[in-house]
Amino acid sequence: MDIEKIKETPIADFLSRLGFQPVKKRGAVLWYHAPYRGDRSPSFKLDTRKGKWFDFGMGEGGDILTLAGKLIPSTDFIRQAQYITETMNLPIPEFHGVEYQKNLPDEEPQFSNVEVLPLGHYALRQYLAERAIPFEVAGRYCKEVHYDLRSKRYFAIGFPNDKGGYEVRNKFFKGCIAPKGTTFIKAGNEPSRECNVFEGFFDFLSAFAINHDAVQKDNLVLNSIIYLRKSTDLLSLYDHIHAYLDNDEAGKKAVQTLKECLGEKVIDHIADYNGCKDLNEYLVKNQLNNNHQHSINNENNINNEESNEELSEGGLHGSRRVLHRCLR
């Protein structure tokens, strides 16, 4: 595979494999939150017809290679190409007549002055509530991370990986403080025969919120689908592998890859959250439905109580007492 073929890789597919989805669409133009920095409103424009992107917040743009360079970060186009092929599961390119400069310096790191604290900020608690994640669950596995990015100070929920980096999320930003890697969480000291596999940590937290027994098994959070193949040696040690990957084309391909590598021990749970993009969306929708039903039940109880008082206490006077009690 040559560089020209890599350049033809759709940028939208590349971003999707990394977990980034467009916020809005206008014809062939997609708008994203910039995948390599924090922005409150979507300022990253992708023209799918031209295969070009432009970040209005930074005044920079380019093709898929330059985007990969921003994400790694690296100015070495060979490293950029390899990052794309690993992400997309493409054949490794062969470079002819190009001297690979291994010691080529990288760009300045994006994050600086990183401070890790116990999770507690009100805004992060509110964000967790919007994602239907109990604070007690998130506090067990996550931290509060403050950092400088492009000369500005930010904070986010930080989920540690096994290499010492953090997946960082808040309402306006999704990214990673390097190094990037998977997160493996053992159930206990005894070897487990089963392992749950999640694409992102919000799905892992959602599984715990839905059923606390999820932590009775070992859990592997990939933090990016690109680590799936690299994790098959670890997963091969288990009798049963429960896959809770995204309910989209990339997630279905990933499950198929697992089955090809590990056979019948892989159990696909996508049907458990059918109609939802992932396990967290399923949790949020069910919480909304439960809250709506709870509201209906409360309204019915009030109406029944109001009717009973009207019958027993002369109608209008009883109704006023119920209204007064509701307003207190």
C-alpha atoms as a PDB file:
ATOM      1  CA  MET A   1       0.000   0.000   0.000  1.00  0.00           C
ATOM      2  CA  ASP A   2       1.423   3.425  -0.956  1.00  0.00           C
ATOM      3  CA  ILE A   3       1.014   6.914   0.456  1.00  0.00           C
ATOM      4  CA  GLU A   4      -1.519   7.937  -2.196  1.00  0.00           C
ATOM      5  CA  LYS A   5      -3.851   5.123  -1.115  1.00  0.00           C
ATOM      6  CA  ILE A   6      -3.521   6.225   2.516  1.00  0.00           C
ATOM      7  CA  LYS A   7      -4.407   9.783   1.533  1.00  0.00           C
ATOM      8  CA  GLU A   8      -7.644   8.460  -0.007  1.00  0.00           C
ATOM      9  CA  THR A   9      -8.815   7.109   3.374  1.00  0.00           C
ATOM     10  CA  PRO A  10     -12.016   9.004   4.295  1.00  0.00           C
ATOM     11  CA  ILE A  11     -11.215  11.337   7.173  1.00  0.00           C
ATOM     12  CA  ALA A  12     -14.712  10.863   8.628  1.00  0.00           C
ATOM     13  CA  ASP A  13     -14.088   7.094   8.892  1.00  0.00           C
ATOM     14  CA  PHE A  14     -10.672   7.733  10.458  1.00  0.00           C
ATOM     15  CA  LEU A  15     -12.180  10.046  13.082  1.00  0.00           C
ATOM     16  CA  SER A  16     -15.003   7.594  13.751  1.00  0.00           C
ATOM     17  CA  ARG A  17     -12.535   4.780  14.464  1.00  0.00           C
ATOM     18  CA  LEU A  18     -10.869   7.078  16.987  1.00  0.00           C
ATOM     19  CA  GLY A  19     -14.216   7.767  18.670  1.00  0.00           C
ATOM     20  CA  PHE A  20     -14.968  11.228  17.248  1.00  0.00           C
ATOM     21  CA  GLN A  21     -18.396  11.889  15.730  1.00  0.00           C
ATOM     22  CA  PRO A  22     -19.649  15.010  13.905  1.00  0.00           C
ATOM     23  CA  VAL A  23     -21.782  17.448  15.870  1.00  0.00           C
ATOM     24  CA  LYS A  24     -23.648  18.694  12.800  1.00  0.00           C
ATOM     25  CA  LYS A  25     -23.797  18.120   9.062  1.00  0.00           C
ATOM     26  CA  ARG A  26     -24.464  20.458   6.165  1.00  0.00           C
ATOM     27  CA  GLY A  27     -24.407  18.603   2.873  1.00  0.00           C
ATOM     28  CA  ALA A  28     -20.920  17.224   2.360  1.00  0.00           C
ATOM     29  CA  VAL A  29     -19.512  19.332   5.210  1.00  0.00           C
ATOM     30  CA  LEU A  30     -19.216  17.870   8.707  1.00  0.00           C
ATOM     31  CA  TRP A  31     -18.493  19.877  11.845  1.00  0.00           C
ATOM     32  CA  TYR A  32     -16.656  18.422  14.849  1.00  0.00           C
ATOM     33  CA  HIS A  33     -15.218  19.532  18.124  1.00  0.00           C
ATOM     34  CA  ALA A  34     -11.492  19.661  17.334  1.00  0.00           C
ATOM     35  CA  PRO A  35     -10.176  16.171  18.208  1.00  0.00           C
ATOM     36  CA  TYR A  36      -6.777  17.358  19.472  1.00  0.00           C
ATOM     37  CA  ARG A  37      -7.728  20.361  21.634  1.00  0.00           C
ATOM     38  CA  GLY A  38     -10.566  21.763  23.708  1.00  0.00           C
ATOM     39  CA  ASP A  39     -13.202  23.906  22.019  1.00  0.00           C
ATOM     40  CA  ARG A  40     -16.615  24.812  23.395  1.00  0.00           C
ATOM     41  CA  SER A  41     -18.305  25.073  20.002  1.00  0.00           C
ATOM     42  CA  PRO A  42     -17.504  22.873  16.974  1.00  0.00           C
ATOM     43  CA  SER A  43     -14.786  24.667  15.024  1.00  0.00           C
ATOM     44  CA  PHE A  44     -13.329  21.742  13.061  1.00  0.00           C
ATOM     45  CA  LYS A  45     -14.715  21.626   9.502  1.00  0.00           C
ATOM     46  CA  LEU A  46     -14.395  18.558   7.280  1.00  0.00           C
ATOM     47  CA  ASP A  47     -15.222  18.710   3.574  1.00  0.00           C
ATOM     48  CA  THR A  48     -15.869  15.069   2.723  1.00  0.00           C
ATOM     49  CA  ARG A  49     -15.828  15.724  -1.037  1.00  0.00           C
ATOM     50  CA  LYS A  50     -12.372  17.276  -1.015  1.00  0.00           C
ATOM     51  CA  GLY A  51     -10.986  15.147   1.815  1.00  0.00           C
ATOM     52  CA  LYS A  52      -9.745  18.289   3.556  1.00  0.00           C
ATOM     53  CA  TRP A  53     -10.183  19.631   7.079  1.00  0.00           C
ATOM     54  CA  PHE A  54      -9.788  23.081   8.557  1.00  0.00           C
ATOM     55  CA  ASP A  55      -9.679  24.140  12.214  1.00  0.00           C
ATOM     56  CA  PHE A  56     -11.026  27.694  12.470  1.00  0.00           C
ATOM     57  CA  GLY A  57      -9.887  27.950  16.079  1.00  0.00           C
ATOM     58  CA  MET A  58      -6.242  27.367  15.119  1.00  0.00           C
ATOM     59  CA  GLY A  59      -6.310  28.626  11.536  1.00  0.00           C
ATOM     60  CA  GLU A  60      -4.786  25.323  10.358  1.00  0.00           C
ATOM     61  CA  GLY A  61      -5.902  22.550   8.024  1.00  0.00           C
ATOM     62  CA  GLY A  62      -4.812  19.869   5.595  1.00  0.00           C
ATOM     63  CA  ASP A  63      -5.341  16.245   4.599  1.00  0.00           C
ATOM     64  CA  ILE A  64      -5.546  13.026   6.606  1.00  0.00           C
ATOM     65  CA  LEU A  65      -1.761  12.864   7.076  1.00  0.00           C
ATOM     66  CA  THR A  66      -1.539  16.337   8.575  1.00  0.00           C
ATOM     67  CA  LEU A  67      -4.492  15.477  10.824  1.00  0.00           C
ATOM     68  CA  ALA A  68      -2.720  12.329  12.024  1.00  0.00           C
ATOM     69  CA  GLY A  69       0.305  14.512  12.727  1.00  0.00           C
ATOM     70  CA  LYS A  70      -1.797  16.741  14.966  1.00  0.00           C
ATOM     71  CA  LEU A  71      -3.220  13.763  16.833  1.00  0.00           C
ATOM     72  CA  ILE A  72       0.020  11.856  17.562  1.00  0.00           C
ATOM     73  CA  PRO A  73       1.659  14.535  17.537  1.00  0.00           C
ATOM     74  CA  SER A  74       4.508  14.171  15.038  1.00  0.00           C
ATOM     75  CA  THR A  75       5.845  15.918  11.951  1.00  0.00           C
ATOM     76  CA  ASP A  76       7.268  12.635  10.601  1.00  0.00           C
ATOM     77  CA  PHE A  77       4.970  11.661   7.726  1.00  0.00           C
ATOM     78  CA  ILE A  78       6.006   7.983   8.002  1.00  0.00           C
ATOM     79  CA  ARG A  79       4.808   7.890  11.593  1.00  0.00           C
ATOM     80  CA  GLN A  80       1.637   9.668  10.468  1.00  0.00           C
ATOM     81  CA  ALA A  81       1.033   7.040   7.780  1.00  0.00           C
ATOM     82  CA  GLN A  82       1.660   4.177  10.198  1.00  0.00           C
ATOM     83  CA  TYR A  83      -0.782   5.692  12.701  1.00  0.00           C
ATOM     84  CA  ILE A  84      -3.481   5.823  10.000  1.00  0.00           C
ATOM     85  CA  THR A  85      -2.875   2.233   8.874  1.00  0.00           C
ATOM     86  CA  GLU A  86      -2.967   0.939  12.464  1.00  0.00           C
ATOM     87  CA  THR A  87      -6.184   2.829  13.186  1.00  0.00           C
ATOM     88  CA  MET A  88      -7.922   1.657  10.010  1.00  0.00           C
ATOM     89  CA  ASN A  89      -6.449  -1.888   9.996  1.00  0.00           C
ATOM     90  CA  LEU A  90      -4.891  -1.240   6.586  1.00  0.00           C
ATOM     91  CA  PRO A  91      -1.800  -2.985   5.151  1.00  0.00           C
ATOM     92  CA  ILE A  92       1.437  -1.505   6.426  1.00  0.00           C
ATOM     93  CA  PRO A  93       2.878   0.751   3.699  1.00  0.00           C
ATOM     94  CA  GLU A  94       6.262   0.114   2.126  1.00  0.00           C
ATOM     95  CA  PHE A  95       8.420   3.185   1.578  1.00  0.00           C
ATOM     96  CA  HIS A  96      10.998   3.159  -1.192  1.00  0.00           C
ATOM     97  CA  GLY A  97      13.754   5.695  -1.560  1.00  0.00           C
ATOM     98  CA  VAL A  98      12.892   7.367   1.748  1.00  0.00           C
ATOM     99  CA  GLU A  99      15.335   7.471   4.631  1.00  0.00           C
ATOM    100  CA  TYR A 100      13.437   6.979   7.893  1.00  0.00           C
ATOM    101  CA  GLN A 101      14.805   9.441  10.419  1.00  0.00           C
ATOM    102  CA  LYS A 102      14.077   7.677  13.713  1.00  0.00           C
ATOM    103  CA  ASN A 103      15.315  10.540  15.820  1.00  0.00           C
ATOM    104  CA  LEU A 104      13.193  13.213  14.180  1.00  0.00           C
ATOM    105  CA  PRO A 105      11.899  15.372  17.064  1.00  0.00           C
ATOM    106  CA  ASP A 106       8.167  15.438  17.754  1.00  0.00           C
ATOM    107  CA  GLU A 107       6.098  18.574  18.098  1.00  0.00           C
ATOM    108  CA  GLU A 108       5.610  20.182  21.487  1.00  0.00           C
ATOM    109  CA  PRO A 109       3.259  18.123  23.683  1.00  0.00           C
ATOM    110  CA  GLN A 110      -0.293  19.438  23.727  1.00  0.00           C
ATOM    111  CA  PHE A 111      -0.923  19.062  27.451  1.00  0.00           C
ATOM    112  CA  SER A 112       1.185  20.627  30.187  1.00  0.00           C
ATOM    113  CA  ASN A 113       1.045  21.351  33.933  1.00  0.00           C
ATOM    114  CA  VAL A 114      -1.110  18.277  34.466  1.00  0.00           C
ATOM    115  CA  GLU A 115      -2.552  18.013  37.984  1.00  0.00           C
ATOM    116  CA  VAL A 116      -4.452  14.916  39.136  1.00  0.00           C
ATOM    117  CA  LEU A 117      -6.970  15.285  41.972  1.00  0.00           C
ATOM    118  CA  PRO A 118      -9.804  13.233  43.480  1.00  0.00           C
ATOM    119  CA  LEU A 119     -12.972  13.579  41.409  1.00  0.00           C
ATOM    120  CA  GLY A 120     -15.282  16.187  42.888  1.00  0.00           C
ATOM    121  CA  HIS A 121     -15.894  19.343  40.812  1.00  0.00           C
ATOM    122  CA  TYR A 122     -19.579  20.282  40.556  1.00  0.00           C
ATOM    123  CA  ALA A 123     -19.456  20.703  36.760  1.00  0.00           C
ATOM    124  CA  LEU A 124     -18.011  17.194  36.357  1.00  0.00           C
ATOM    125  CA  ARG A 125     -20.628  15.773  38.728  1.00  0.00           C
ATOM    126  CA  GLN A 126     -23.289  17.430  36.586  1.00  0.00           C
ATOM    127  CA  TYR A 127     -21.764  15.990  33.410  1.00  0.00           C
ATOM    128  CA  LEU A 128     -21.760  12.512  34.970  1.00  0.00           C
ATOM    129  CA  ALA A 129     -25.427  12.948  35.875  1.00  0.00           C
ATOM    130  CA  GLU A 130     -26.191  13.853  32.244  1.00  0.00           C
ATOM    131  CA  ARG A 131     -24.500  10.604  31.210  1.00  0.00           C
ATOM    132  CA  ALA A 132     -26.495   8.731  33.910  1.00  0.00           C
ATOM    133  CA  ILE A 133     -23.318   7.653  35.744  1.00  0.00           C
ATOM    134  CA  PRO A 134     -23.607   7.665  39.567  1.00  0.00           C
ATOM    135  CA  PHE A 135     -20.856   9.750  41.112  1.00  0.00           C
ATOM    136  CA  GLU A 136     -19.970   6.905  43.488  1.00  0.00           C
ATOM    137  CA  VAL A 137     -19.240   4.663  40.492  1.00  0.00           C
ATOM    138  CA  ALA A 138     -17.137   7.257  38.642  1.00  0.00           C
ATOM    139  CA  GLY A 139     -15.272   8.226  41.817  1.00  0.00           C
ATOM    140  CA  ARG A 140     -14.089   4.660  42.227  1.00  0.00           C
ATOM    141  CA  TYR A 141     -12.287   4.556  38.871  1.00  0.00           C
ATOM    142  CA  CYS A 142     -11.785   8.149  37.700  1.00  0.00           C
ATOM    143  CA  LYS A 143      -9.842  11.239  38.715  1.00  0.00           C
ATOM    144  CA  GLU A 144     -10.228  14.959  38.218  1.00  0.00           C
ATOM    145  CA  VAL A 145      -7.499  16.187  35.871  1.00  0.00           C
ATOM    146  CA  HIS A 146      -6.501  19.833  35.412  1.00  0.00           C
ATOM    147  CA  TYR A 147      -4.200  20.762  32.541  1.00  0.00           C
ATOM    148  CA  ASP A 148      -2.948  23.559  30.301  1.00  0.00           C
ATOM    149  CA  LEU A 149      -3.812  23.317  26.605  1.00  0.00           C
ATOM    150  CA  ARG A 150      -2.907  26.020  24.093  1.00  0.00           C
ATOM    151  CA  SER A 151      -2.123  28.470  26.929  1.00  0.00           C
ATOM    152  CA  LYS A 152      -5.495  27.940  28.630  1.00  0.00           C
ATOM    153  CA  ARG A 153      -6.380  26.033  31.802  1.00  0.00           C
ATOM    154  CA  TYR A 154      -8.989  23.258  31.647  1.00  0.00           C
ATOM    155  CA  PHE A 155     -10.276  20.410  33.793  1.00  0.00           C
ATOM    156  CA  ALA A 156     -11.952  17.116  32.962  1.00  0.00           C
ATOM    157  CA  ILE A 157     -12.756  13.614  34.148  1.00  0.00           C
ATOM    158  CA  GLY A 158      -9.612  11.516  33.818  1.00  0.00           C
ATOM    159  CA  PHE A 159      -9.673   7.753  33.353  1.00  0.00           C
ATOM    160  CA  PRO A 160      -6.192   6.257  33.843  1.00  0.00           C
ATOM    161  CA  ASN A 161      -4.724   3.759  31.415  1.00  0.00           C
ATOM    162  CA  ASP A 162      -2.041   1.164  32.113  1.00  0.00           C
ATOM    163  CA  LYS A 163       0.731   3.239  30.537  1.00  0.00           C
ATOM    164  CA  GLY A 164       0.326   6.206  32.881  1.00  0.00           C
ATOM    165  CA  GLY A 165      -1.808   8.366  30.596  1.00  0.00           C
ATOM    166  CA  TYR A 166      -5.403   9.524  30.965  1.00  0.00           C
ATOM    167  CA  GLU A 167      -8.472   9.501  28.791  1.00  0.00           C
ATOM    168  CA  VAL A 168      -9.999  12.930  29.466  1.00  0.00           C
ATOM    169  CA  ARG A 169     -13.649  13.867  29.027  1.00  0.00           C
ATOM    170  CA  ASN A 170     -15.851  16.791  29.882  1.00  0.00           C
ATOM    171  CA  LYS A 171     -18.955  18.194  28.263  1.00  0.00           C
ATOM    172  CA  PHE A 172     -16.942  19.991  25.581  1.00  0.00           C
ATOM    173  CA  PHE A 173     -13.813  17.905  25.035  1.00  0.00           C
ATOM    174  CA  LYS A 174     -12.721  14.338  24.370  1.00  0.00           C
ATOM    175  CA  GLY A 175      -9.040  13.481  24.192  1.00  0.00           C
ATOM    176  CA  CYS A 176      -6.083  11.734  25.784  1.00  0.00           C
ATOM    177  CA  ILE A 177      -3.130  12.849  27.867  1.00  0.00           C
ATOM    178  CA  ALA A 178      -0.290  10.712  26.511  1.00  0.00           C
ATOM    179  CA  PRO A 179       0.811   8.017  26.615  1.00  0.00           C
ATOM    180  CA  LYS A 180      -2.298   6.306  25.272  1.00  0.00           C
ATOM    181  CA  GLY A 181      -3.094   2.699  26.080  1.00  0.00           C
ATOM    182  CA  THR A 182      -5.647   0.212  27.356  1.00  0.00           C
ATOM    183  CA  THR A 183      -6.969  -0.100  30.917  1.00  0.00           C
ATOM    184  CA  PHE A 184      -7.146  -3.579  32.460  1.00  0.00           C
ATOM    185  CA  ILE A 185      -9.128  -3.947  35.696  1.00  0.00           C
ATOM    186  CA  LYS A 186      -8.939  -7.263  37.527  1.00  0.00           C
ATOM    187  CA  ALA A 187     -11.909  -8.445  39.548  1.00  0.00           C
ATOM    188  CA  GLY A 188      -9.741  -9.675  42.414  1.00  0.00           C
ATOM    189  CA  ASN A 189      -6.665 -11.642  43.319  1.00  0.00           C
ATOM    190  CA  GLU A 190      -8.020 -14.926  41.979  1.00  0.00           C
ATOM    191  CA  PRO A 191      -7.791 -15.667  38.238  1.00  0.00           C
ATOM    192  CA  SER A 192     -11.060 -14.976  36.442  1.00  0.00           C
ATOM    193  CA  ARG A 193     -12.500 -17.137  33.674  1.00  0.00           C
ATOM    194  CA  GLU A 194     -14.446 -14.264  32.088  1.00  0.00           C
ATOM    195  CA  CYS A 195     -13.567 -10.800  30.815  1.00  0.00           C
ATOM    196  CA  ASN A 196     -15.749  -7.885  29.653  1.00  0.00           C
ATOM    197  CA  VAL A 197     -14.433  -5.761  26.782  1.00  0.00           C
ATOM    198  CA  PHE A 198     -15.454  -2.124  26.289  1.00  0.00           C
ATOM    199  CA  GLU A 199     -14.403   0.437  23.707  1.00  0.00           C
ATOM    200  CA  GLY A 200     -14.523   3.435  26.064  1.00  0.00           C
ATOM    201  CA  PHE A 201     -14.612   4.019  29.794  1.00  0.00           C
ATOM    202  CA  PHE A 202     -18.124   5.510  29.853  1.00  0.00           C
ATOM    203  CA  ASP A 203     -19.409   2.146  28.613  1.00  0.00           C
ATOM    204  CA  PHE A 204     -17.483   0.395  31.397  1.00  0.00           C
ATOM    205  CA  LEU A 205     -18.961   2.781  33.992  1.00  0.00           C
ATOM    206  CA  SER A 206     -22.397   2.265  32.448  1.00  0.00           C
ATOM    207  CA  ALA A 207     -22.093  -1.527  32.809  1.00  0.00           C
ATOM    208  CA  PHE A 208     -21.235  -1.057  36.488  1.00  0.00           C
ATOM    209  CA  ALA A 209     -24.174   1.329  36.938  1.00  0.00           C
ATOM    210  CA  ILE A 210     -26.584  -1.127  35.273  1.00  0.00           C
ATOM    211  CA  ASN A 211     -25.312  -4.185  37.134  1.00  0.00           C
ATOM    212  CA  HIS A 212     -22.734  -4.081  39.928  1.00  0.00           C
ATOM    213  CA  ASP A 213     -21.908  -7.699  39.153  1.00  0.00           C
ATOM    214  CA  ALA A 214     -19.973  -6.414  36.109  1.00  0.00           C
ATOM    215  CA  VAL A 215     -16.941  -5.944  38.351  1.00  0.00           C
ATOM    216  CA  GLN A 216     -17.092  -9.599  39.379  1.00  0.00           C
ATOM    217  CA  LYS A 217     -15.423 -10.294  36.016  1.00  0.00           C
ATOM    218  CA  ASP A 218     -12.143  -8.878  34.739  1.00  0.00           C
ATOM    219  CA  ASN A 219     -12.645  -5.807  32.548  1.00  0.00           C
ATOM    220  CA  LEU A 220     -10.643  -4.493  29.605  1.00  0.00           C
ATOM    221  CA  VAL A 221     -11.278  -0.943  28.385  1.00  0.00           C
ATOM    222  CA  LEU A 222      -9.617  -0.482  24.989  1.00  0.00           C
ATOM    223  CA  ASN A 223      -9.774   3.356  25.051  1.00  0.00           C
ATOM    224  CA  SER A 224      -9.469   3.086  21.258  1.00  0.00           C
ATOM    225  CA  ILE A 225     -10.503   0.366  18.826  1.00  0.00           C
ATOM    226  CA  ILE A 226      -6.943   0.364  17.433  1.00  0.00           C
ATOM    227  CA  TYR A 227      -5.828  -1.657  20.473  1.00  0.00           C
ATOM    228  CA  LEU A 228      -8.206  -4.531  19.789  1.00  0.00           C
ATOM    229  CA  ARG A 229      -5.802  -6.771  17.868  1.00  0.00           C
ATOM    230  CA  LYS A 230      -3.010  -6.037  20.316  1.00  0.00           C
ATOM    231  CA  SER A 231      -5.243  -7.277  23.146  1.00  0.00           C
ATOM    232  CA  THR A 232      -6.095 -10.701  21.714  1.00  0.00           C
ATOM    233  CA  ASP A 233      -3.189 -12.432  23.499  1.00  0.00           C
ATOM    234  CA  LEU A 234      -4.536 -11.253  26.852  1.00  0.00           C
ATOM    235  CA  LEU A 235      -8.126 -12.136  25.966  1.00  0.00           C
ATOM    236  CA  SER A 236      -7.139 -15.617  24.757  1.00  0.00           C
ATOM    237  CA  LEU A 237      -6.501 -16.575  28.400  1.00  0.00           C
ATOM    238  CA  TYR A 238     -10.242 -16.436  29.205  1.00  0.00           C
ATOM    239  CA  ASP A 239     -12.988 -19.011  28.693  1.00  0.00           C
ATOM    240  CA  HIS A 240     -15.598 -16.351  27.932  1.00  0.00           C
ATOM    241  CA  ILE A 241     -15.151 -12.849  26.500  1.00  0.00           C
ATOM    242  CA  HIS A 242     -18.149 -10.523  26.707  1.00  0.00           C
ATOM    243  CA  ALA A 243     -17.954  -7.809  24.014  1.00  0.00           C
ATOM    244  CA  TYR A 244     -19.787  -4.531  24.688  1.00  0.00           C
ATOM    245  CA  LEU A 245     -18.540  -2.573  21.684  1.00  0.00           C
ATOM    246  CA  ASP A 246     -20.228   0.258  19.807  1.00  0.00           C
ATOM    247  CA  ASN A 247     -23.373  -0.592  17.875  1.00  0.00           C
ATOM    248  CA  ASP A 248     -22.055   0.731  14.567  1.00  0.00           C
ATOM    249  CA  GLU A 249     -20.164  -0.601  11.575  1.00  0.00           C
ATOM    250  CA  ALA A 250     -16.763  -0.233  13.257  1.00  0.00           C
ATOM    251  CA  GLY A 251     -18.008  -1.981  16.414  1.00  0.00           C
ATOM    252  CA  LYS A 252     -19.513  -4.871  14.459  1.00  0.00           C
ATOM    253  CA  LYS A 253     -16.281  -5.299  12.494  1.00  0.00           C
ATOM    254  CA  ALA A 254     -14.359  -5.311  15.761  1.00  0.00           C
ATOM    255  CA  VAL A 255     -16.548  -8.080  17.186  1.00  0.00           C
ATOM    256  CA  GLN A 256     -16.047 -10.059  13.986  1.00  0.00           C
ATOM    257  CA  THR A 257     -12.282  -9.602  14.347  1.00  0.00           C
ATOM    258  CA  LEU A 258     -12.458 -10.916  17.907  1.00  0.00           C
ATOM    259  CA  LYS A 259     -14.439 -13.958  16.787  1.00  0.00           C
ATOM    260  CA  GLU A 260     -11.971 -14.661  13.980  1.00  0.00           C
ATOM    261  CA  CYS A 261      -9.100 -14.564  16.473  1.00  0.00           C
ATOM    262  CA  LEU A 262     -10.701 -16.212  19.504  1.00  0.00           C
ATOM    263  CA  GLY A 263     -13.633 -18.222  18.194  1.00  0.00           C
ATOM    264  CA  GLU A 264     -16.780 -19.169  20.059  1.00  0.00           C
ATOM    265  CA  LYS A 265     -15.576 -17.896  23.428  1.00  0.00           C
ATOM    266  CA  VAL A 266     -16.515 -14.369  22.227  1.00  0.00           C
ATOM    267  CA  ILE A 267     -20.064 -13.359  23.216  1.00  0.00           C
ATOM    268  CA  ASP A 268     -21.489 -10.338  21.382  1.00  0.00           C
ATOM    269  CA  HIS A 269     -23.771  -8.236  23.619  1.00  0.00           C
ATOM    270  CA  ILE A 270     -24.745  -5.583  21.060  1.00  0.00           C
ATOM    271  CA  ALA A 271     -28.293  -7.007  21.037  1.00  0.00           C
ATOM    272  CA  ASP A 272     -28.582  -6.023  24.731  1.00  0.00           C
ATOM    273  CA  TYR A 273     -28.612  -2.337  23.724  1.00  0.00           C
ATOM    274  CA  ASN A 274     -30.184  -2.658  20.283  1.00  0.00           C
ATOM    275  CA  GLY A 275     -31.352   0.697  18.916  1.00  0.00           C
ATOM    276  CA  CYS A 276     -28.670   2.594  20.847  1.00  0.00           C
ATOM    277  CA  LYS A 277     -25.207   3.618  19.727  1.00  0.00           C
ATOM    278  CA  ASP A 278     -23.534   2.163  22.770  1.00  0.00           C
ATOM    279  CA  LEU A 279     -24.107   0.993  26.328  1.00  0.00           C
ATOM    280  CA  ASN A 280     -24.044   4.510  27.770  1.00  0.00           C
ATOM    281  CA  GLU A 281     -26.749   5.745  25.392  1.00  0.00           C
ATOM    282  CA  TYR A 282     -28.845   2.747  26.452  1.00  0.00           C
ATOM    283  CA  LEU A 283     -28.354   3.684  30.117  1.00  0.00           C
ATOM    284  CA  VAL A 284     -29.274   7.347  29.510  1.00  0.00           C
ATOM    285  CA  LYS A 285     -32.422   6.449  27.556  1.00  0.00           C
ATOM    286  CA  ASN A 286     -33.557   3.999  30.218  1.00  0.00           C
ATOM    287  CA  GLN A 287     -33.001   6.558  32.968  1.00  0.00           C
ATOM    288  CA  LEU A 288     -35.072   9.111  31.045  1.00  0.00           C
ATOM    289  CA  ASN A 289     -37.826   6.541  30.550  1.00  0.00           C
ATOM    290  CA  ASN A 290     -37.754   5.619  34.238  1.00  0.00           C
ATOM    291  CA  ASN A 291     -37.878   9.283  35.279  1.00  0.00           C
ATOM    292  CA  HIS A 292     -40.801   9.882  32.908  1.00  0.00           C
ATOM    293  CA  GLN A 293     -42.676   6.879  34.310  1.00  0.00           C
ATOM    294  CA  HIS A 294     -41.918   8.019  37.852  1.00  0.00           C
ATOM    295  CA  SER A 295     -43.316  11.462  36.992  1.00  0.00           C
ATOM    296  CA  ILE A 296     -46.492   9.896  35.562  1.00  0.00           C
ATOM    297  CA  ASN A 297     -46.911   7.727  38.667  1.00  0.00           C
ATOM    298  CA  ASN A 298     -46.497  10.754  40.942  1.00  0.00           C
ATOM    299  CA  GLU A 299     -49.063  12.708  38.920  1.00  0.00           C
ATOM    300  CA  ASN A 300     -51.509   9.795  39.116  1.00  0.00           C
ATOM    301  CA  ASN A 301     -50.986   9.523  42.869  1.00  0.00           C
ATOM    302  CA  ILE A 302     -51.666  13.244  43.323  1.00  0.00           C
ATOM    303  CA  ASN A 303     -54.784  13.047  41.150  1.00  0.00           C
ATOM    304  CA  ASN A 304     -56.064  10.051  43.108  1.00  0.00           C
ATOM    305  CA  GLU A 305     -55.392  11.784  46.397  1.00  0.00           C
ATOM    306  CA  GLU A 306     -57.091  14.942  45.154  1.00  0.00           C
ATOM    307  CA  SER A 307     -60.176  12.983  44.039  1.00  0.00           C
ATOM    308  CA  ASN A 308     -60.421  11.196  47.368  1.00  0.00           C
ATOM    309  CA  GLU A 309     -60.267  14.444  49.313  1.00  0.00           C
ATOM    310  CA  GLU A 310     -62.892  16.047  47.079  1.00  0.00           C
ATOM    311  CA  LEU A 311     -65.237  13.164  47.773  1.00  0.00           C
ATOM    312  CA  SER A 312     -64.645  13.123  51.518  1.00  0.00           C
ATOM    313  CA  GLU A 313     -64.380  16.855  52.240  1.00  0.00           C
ATOM    314  CA  GLY A 314     -66.821  18.622  49.936  1.00  0.00           C
ATOM    315  CA  GLY A 315     -64.991  19.027  46.629  1.00  0.00           C
ATOM    316  CA  LEU A 316     -63.580  22.553  46.302  1.00  0.00           C
ATOM    317  CA  HIS A 317     -62.236  22.911  49.851  1.00  0.00           C
ATOM    318  CA  GLY A 318     -60.453  19.547  49.627  1.00  0.00           C
ATOM    319  CA  SER A 319     -58.909  20.473  46.270  1.00  0.00           C
ATOM    320  CA  ARG A 320     -57.510  23.700  47.697  1.00  0.00           C
ATOM    321  CA  ARG A 321     -55.836  21.806  50.530  1.00  0.00           C
ATOM    322  CA  VAL A 322     -54.139  19.470  47.998  1.00  0.00           C
ATOM    323  CA  LEU A 323     -52.970  22.431  45.866  1.00  0.00           C
ATOM    324  CA  HIS A 324     -51.576  24.178  48.935  1.00  0.00           C
ATOM    325  CA  ARG A 325     -49.706  21.048  49.945  1.00  0.00           C
ATOM    326  CA  CYS A 326     -48.193  20.744  46.418  1.00  0.00           C
ATOM    327  CA  LEU A 327     -46.969  24.342  46.419  1.00  0.00           C
ATOM    328  CA  ARG A 328     -45.282  24.192  49.823  1.00  0.00           C
END
